[in-house]
Amino acid sequence: MRSRATRDEWELIGDATFHDLRHNFAHWAREAGWRLEEGAYYLGHVTRKGTPDISTTARYTQVSREDVKEKLKDLRG
């Protein structure tokens, strides 16, 4: 990534990798309401049978305490 960046952009990029971007995308997709299955398909986490491998995708995402609190509010109505 750094090879295409200007010198001014180097500091912003730091030592980010494409793998870091995949993790960030997965986390942001979950925050946006994507189901793990949807993220799995998009990221290519599928089994040989073609079904989503959510165990792999789950490692890419983390649920925040605030996310859980908001979901609990929705349950209470």
N, C-alpha and C. Protein backbone atom coordinates (compact mmCIF):
# COMPACT_ATOMS: atom_id res chain seq x y z
N MET A 1 0.82 -1.19 0.00
CA MET A 1 0.00 0.00 0.00
C MET A 1 0.86 1.26 0.00
N ARG A 2 1.95 1.22 0.71
CA ARG A 2 2.80 2.40 0.81
C ARG A 2 3.41 2.78 -0.54
N SER A 3 3.60 1.82 -1.42
CA SER A 3 4.25 2.13 -2.70
C SER A 3 3.43 3.09 -3.54
N ARG A 4 2.14 3.14 -3.32
CA ARG A 4 1.27 4.04 -4.10
C ARG A 4 0.92 5.32 -3.35
N ALA A 5 1.32 5.42 -2.11
CA ALA A 5 0.98 6.58 -1.29
C ALA A 5 1.99 7.71 -1.48
N THR A 6 1.50 8.93 -1.28
CA THR A 6 2.40 10.07 -1.27
C THR A 6 3.11 10.09 0.08
N ARG A 7 4.15 10.86 0.19
CA ARG A 7 4.87 10.95 1.47
C ARG A 7 3.96 11.41 2.60
N ASP A 8 3.06 12.35 2.30
CA ASP A 8 2.14 12.86 3.32
C ASP A 8 1.18 11.76 3.80
N GLU A 9 0.85 10.83 2.92
CA GLU A 9 -0.08 9.75 3.28
C GLU A 9 0.60 8.65 4.08
N TRP A 10 1.92 8.54 4.02
CA TRP A 10 2.63 7.47 4.70
C TRP A 10 2.32 7.44 6.19
N GLU A 11 2.27 8.60 6.83
CA GLU A 11 2.00 8.64 8.27
C GLU A 11 0.60 8.13 8.57
N LEU A 12 -0.36 8.44 7.71
CA LEU A 12 -1.73 7.98 7.92
C LEU A 12 -1.85 6.47 7.78
N ILE A 13 -1.09 5.93 6.85
CA ILE A 13 -1.15 4.50 6.58
C ILE A 13 -0.45 3.71 7.67
N GLY A 14 0.66 4.24 8.15
CA GLY A 14 1.43 3.50 9.17
C GLY A 14 1.85 2.16 8.64
N ASP A 15 1.64 1.14 9.44
CA ASP A 15 2.01 -0.21 9.02
C ASP A 15 0.78 -1.06 8.72
N ALA A 16 -0.30 -0.41 8.25
CA ALA A 16 -1.54 -1.13 7.93
C ALA A 16 -1.30 -2.13 6.80
N THR A 17 -1.98 -3.26 6.91
CA THR A 17 -1.90 -4.29 5.88
C THR A 17 -3.29 -4.52 5.30
N PHE A 18 -3.35 -5.24 4.19
CA PHE A 18 -4.66 -5.58 3.64
C PHE A 18 -5.45 -6.46 4.61
N HIS A 19 -4.75 -7.28 5.37
CA HIS A 19 -5.42 -8.12 6.36
C HIS A 19 -6.07 -7.23 7.43
N ASP A 20 -5.39 -6.16 7.84
CA ASP A 20 -5.98 -5.21 8.78
C ASP A 20 -7.27 -4.62 8.21
N LEU A 21 -7.23 -4.28 6.93
CA LEU A 21 -8.42 -3.72 6.29
C LEU A 21 -9.58 -4.71 6.27
N ARG A 22 -9.28 -5.98 6.07
CA ARG A 22 -10.33 -7.02 6.10
C ARG A 22 -10.96 -7.09 7.49
N HIS A 23 -10.12 -7.04 8.52
CA HIS A 23 -10.65 -7.06 9.89
C HIS A 23 -11.52 -5.83 10.14
N ASN A 24 -11.04 -4.67 9.72
CA ASN A 24 -11.82 -3.45 9.90
C ASN A 24 -13.15 -3.52 9.15
N PHE A 25 -13.10 -3.99 7.91
CA PHE A 25 -14.34 -4.11 7.14
C PHE A 25 -15.34 -5.02 7.85
N ALA A 26 -14.87 -6.17 8.32
CA ALA A 26 -15.77 -7.11 8.99
C ALA A 26 -16.39 -6.48 10.22
N HIS A 27 -15.60 -5.76 10.98
CA HIS A 27 -16.11 -5.10 12.19
C HIS A 27 -17.14 -4.03 11.82
N TRP A 28 -16.82 -3.20 10.83
CA TRP A 28 -17.75 -2.14 10.43
C TRP A 28 -19.04 -2.71 9.84
N ALA A 29 -18.92 -3.80 9.10
CA ALA A 29 -20.12 -4.44 8.53
C ALA A 29 -21.04 -4.93 9.64
N ARG A 30 -20.46 -5.53 10.68
CA ARG A 30 -21.27 -5.99 11.81
C ARG A 30 -21.94 -4.80 12.51
N GLU A 31 -21.20 -3.72 12.67
CA GLU A 31 -21.78 -2.52 13.30
C GLU A 31 -22.91 -1.95 12.45
N ALA A 32 -22.82 -2.13 11.14
CA ALA A 32 -23.85 -1.63 10.22
C ALA A 32 -25.05 -2.57 10.14
N GLY A 33 -24.98 -3.68 10.86
CA GLY A 33 -26.13 -4.60 10.90
C GLY A 33 -26.01 -5.84 10.05
N TRP A 34 -24.86 -6.04 9.40
CA TRP A 34 -24.69 -7.26 8.61
C TRP A 34 -24.68 -8.46 9.54
N ARG A 35 -25.31 -9.54 9.10
CA ARG A 35 -25.23 -10.81 9.83
C ARG A 35 -23.88 -11.45 9.54
N LEU A 36 -23.45 -12.33 10.43
CA LEU A 36 -22.17 -13.02 10.23
C LEU A 36 -22.15 -13.78 8.91
N GLU A 37 -23.28 -14.37 8.54
CA GLU A 37 -23.36 -15.13 7.28
C GLU A 37 -23.09 -14.23 6.08
N GLU A 38 -23.62 -13.02 6.12
CA GLU A 38 -23.42 -12.08 5.01
C GLU A 38 -21.95 -11.68 4.91
N GLY A 39 -21.35 -11.38 6.05
CA GLY A 39 -19.93 -11.04 6.07
C GLY A 39 -19.07 -12.20 5.59
N ALA A 40 -19.44 -13.41 5.99
CA ALA A 40 -18.68 -14.60 5.59
C ALA A 40 -18.66 -14.74 4.07
N TYR A 41 -19.81 -14.59 3.45
CA TYR A 41 -19.87 -14.69 1.99
C TYR A 41 -19.02 -13.60 1.34
N TYR A 42 -19.16 -12.37 1.82
CA TYR A 42 -18.43 -11.26 1.21
C TYR A 42 -16.92 -11.43 1.34
N LEU A 43 -16.47 -11.91 2.49
CA LEU A 43 -15.04 -12.08 2.74
C LEU A 43 -14.48 -13.38 2.18
N GLY A 44 -15.35 -14.23 1.64
CA GLY A 44 -14.89 -15.49 1.08
C GLY A 44 -14.71 -16.59 2.11
N HIS A 45 -15.32 -16.43 3.27
CA HIS A 45 -15.26 -17.45 4.31
C HIS A 45 -16.39 -18.45 4.10
N VAL A 46 -16.17 -19.40 3.21
CA VAL A 46 -17.19 -20.39 2.91
C VAL A 46 -16.58 -21.79 2.99
N THR A 47 -17.43 -22.75 3.30
CA THR A 47 -16.99 -24.14 3.38
C THR A 47 -16.90 -24.72 1.97
N ARG A 48 -16.40 -25.93 1.86
CA ARG A 48 -16.35 -26.60 0.56
C ARG A 48 -17.73 -26.82 -0.02
N LYS A 49 -18.73 -26.89 0.86
CA LYS A 49 -20.11 -27.07 0.40
C LYS A 49 -20.74 -25.75 -0.05
N GLY A 50 -20.03 -24.64 0.16
CA GLY A 50 -20.56 -23.34 -0.27
C GLY A 50 -21.36 -22.62 0.79
N THR A 51 -21.39 -23.14 2.01
CA THR A 51 -22.12 -22.47 3.08
C THR A 51 -21.17 -21.53 3.84
N PRO A 52 -21.72 -20.49 4.46
CA PRO A 52 -20.86 -19.54 5.16
C PRO A 52 -20.16 -20.17 6.36
N ASP A 53 -18.88 -19.87 6.50
CA ASP A 53 -18.09 -20.36 7.63
C ASP A 53 -18.00 -19.24 8.65
N ILE A 54 -19.05 -19.10 9.47
CA ILE A 54 -19.12 -17.98 10.39
C ILE A 54 -18.09 -18.07 11.52
N SER A 55 -17.54 -19.25 11.77
CA SER A 55 -16.53 -19.35 12.82
C SER A 55 -15.28 -18.55 12.43
N THR A 56 -14.94 -18.55 11.17
CA THR A 56 -13.81 -17.75 10.70
C THR A 56 -14.15 -16.27 10.77
N THR A 57 -15.32 -15.91 10.30
CA THR A 57 -15.74 -14.50 10.28
C THR A 57 -15.87 -13.95 11.70
N ALA A 58 -16.34 -14.75 12.63
CA ALA A 58 -16.51 -14.29 14.01
C ALA A 58 -15.18 -13.84 14.61
N ARG A 59 -14.09 -14.48 14.20
CA ARG A 59 -12.77 -14.07 14.69
C ARG A 59 -12.38 -12.68 14.19
N TYR A 60 -12.96 -12.27 13.07
CA TYR A 60 -12.66 -10.96 12.50
C TYR A 60 -13.43 -9.83 13.20
N THR A 61 -14.49 -10.18 13.88
CA THR A 61 -15.38 -9.16 14.45
C THR A 61 -15.38 -9.22 15.96
N GLN A 62 -15.70 -8.11 16.55
CA GLN A 62 -15.85 -8.04 18.00
C GLN A 62 -17.10 -7.25 18.30
N VAL A 63 -17.87 -7.72 19.24
CA VAL A 63 -19.08 -7.03 19.64
C VAL A 63 -18.74 -6.16 20.85
N SER A 64 -19.16 -4.90 20.81
CA SER A 64 -18.88 -4.02 21.93
C SER A 64 -19.98 -4.14 22.98
N ARG A 65 -19.65 -3.77 24.19
CA ARG A 65 -20.61 -3.76 25.29
C ARG A 65 -21.79 -2.85 24.96
N GLU A 66 -21.50 -1.71 24.31
CA GLU A 66 -22.56 -0.77 23.93
C GLU A 66 -23.51 -1.39 22.91
N ASP A 67 -22.98 -2.18 21.98
CA ASP A 67 -23.84 -2.87 21.00
C ASP A 67 -24.83 -3.78 21.71
N VAL A 68 -24.35 -4.52 22.69
CA VAL A 68 -25.21 -5.45 23.43
C VAL A 68 -26.28 -4.67 24.20
N LYS A 69 -25.91 -3.58 24.83
CA LYS A 69 -26.88 -2.76 25.58
C LYS A 69 -27.99 -2.26 24.67
N GLU A 70 -27.62 -1.80 23.47
CA GLU A 70 -28.62 -1.31 22.52
C GLU A 70 -29.58 -2.42 22.09
N LYS A 71 -29.04 -3.61 21.84
CA LYS A 71 -29.88 -4.74 21.44
C LYS A 71 -30.83 -5.12 22.57
N LEU A 72 -30.36 -5.05 23.81
CA LEU A 72 -31.23 -5.36 24.95
C LEU A 72 -32.37 -4.36 25.05
N LYS A 73 -32.09 -3.08 24.77
CA LYS A 73 -33.15 -2.07 24.77
C LYS A 73 -34.22 -2.42 23.73
N ASP A 74 -33.79 -2.88 22.56
CA ASP A 74 -34.73 -3.26 21.51
C ASP A 74 -35.63 -4.41 21.95
N LEU A 75 -35.09 -5.35 22.73
CA LEU A 75 -35.88 -6.48 23.20
C LEU A 75 -36.96 -6.06 24.18
N ARG A 76 -36.65 -5.07 24.99
CA ARG A 76 -37.61 -4.61 26.00
C ARG A 76 -38.74 -3.79 25.40
N GLY A 77 -38.48 -3.23 24.22
CA GLY A 77 -39.53 -2.48 23.53
C GLY A 77 -39.78 -1.13 24.00
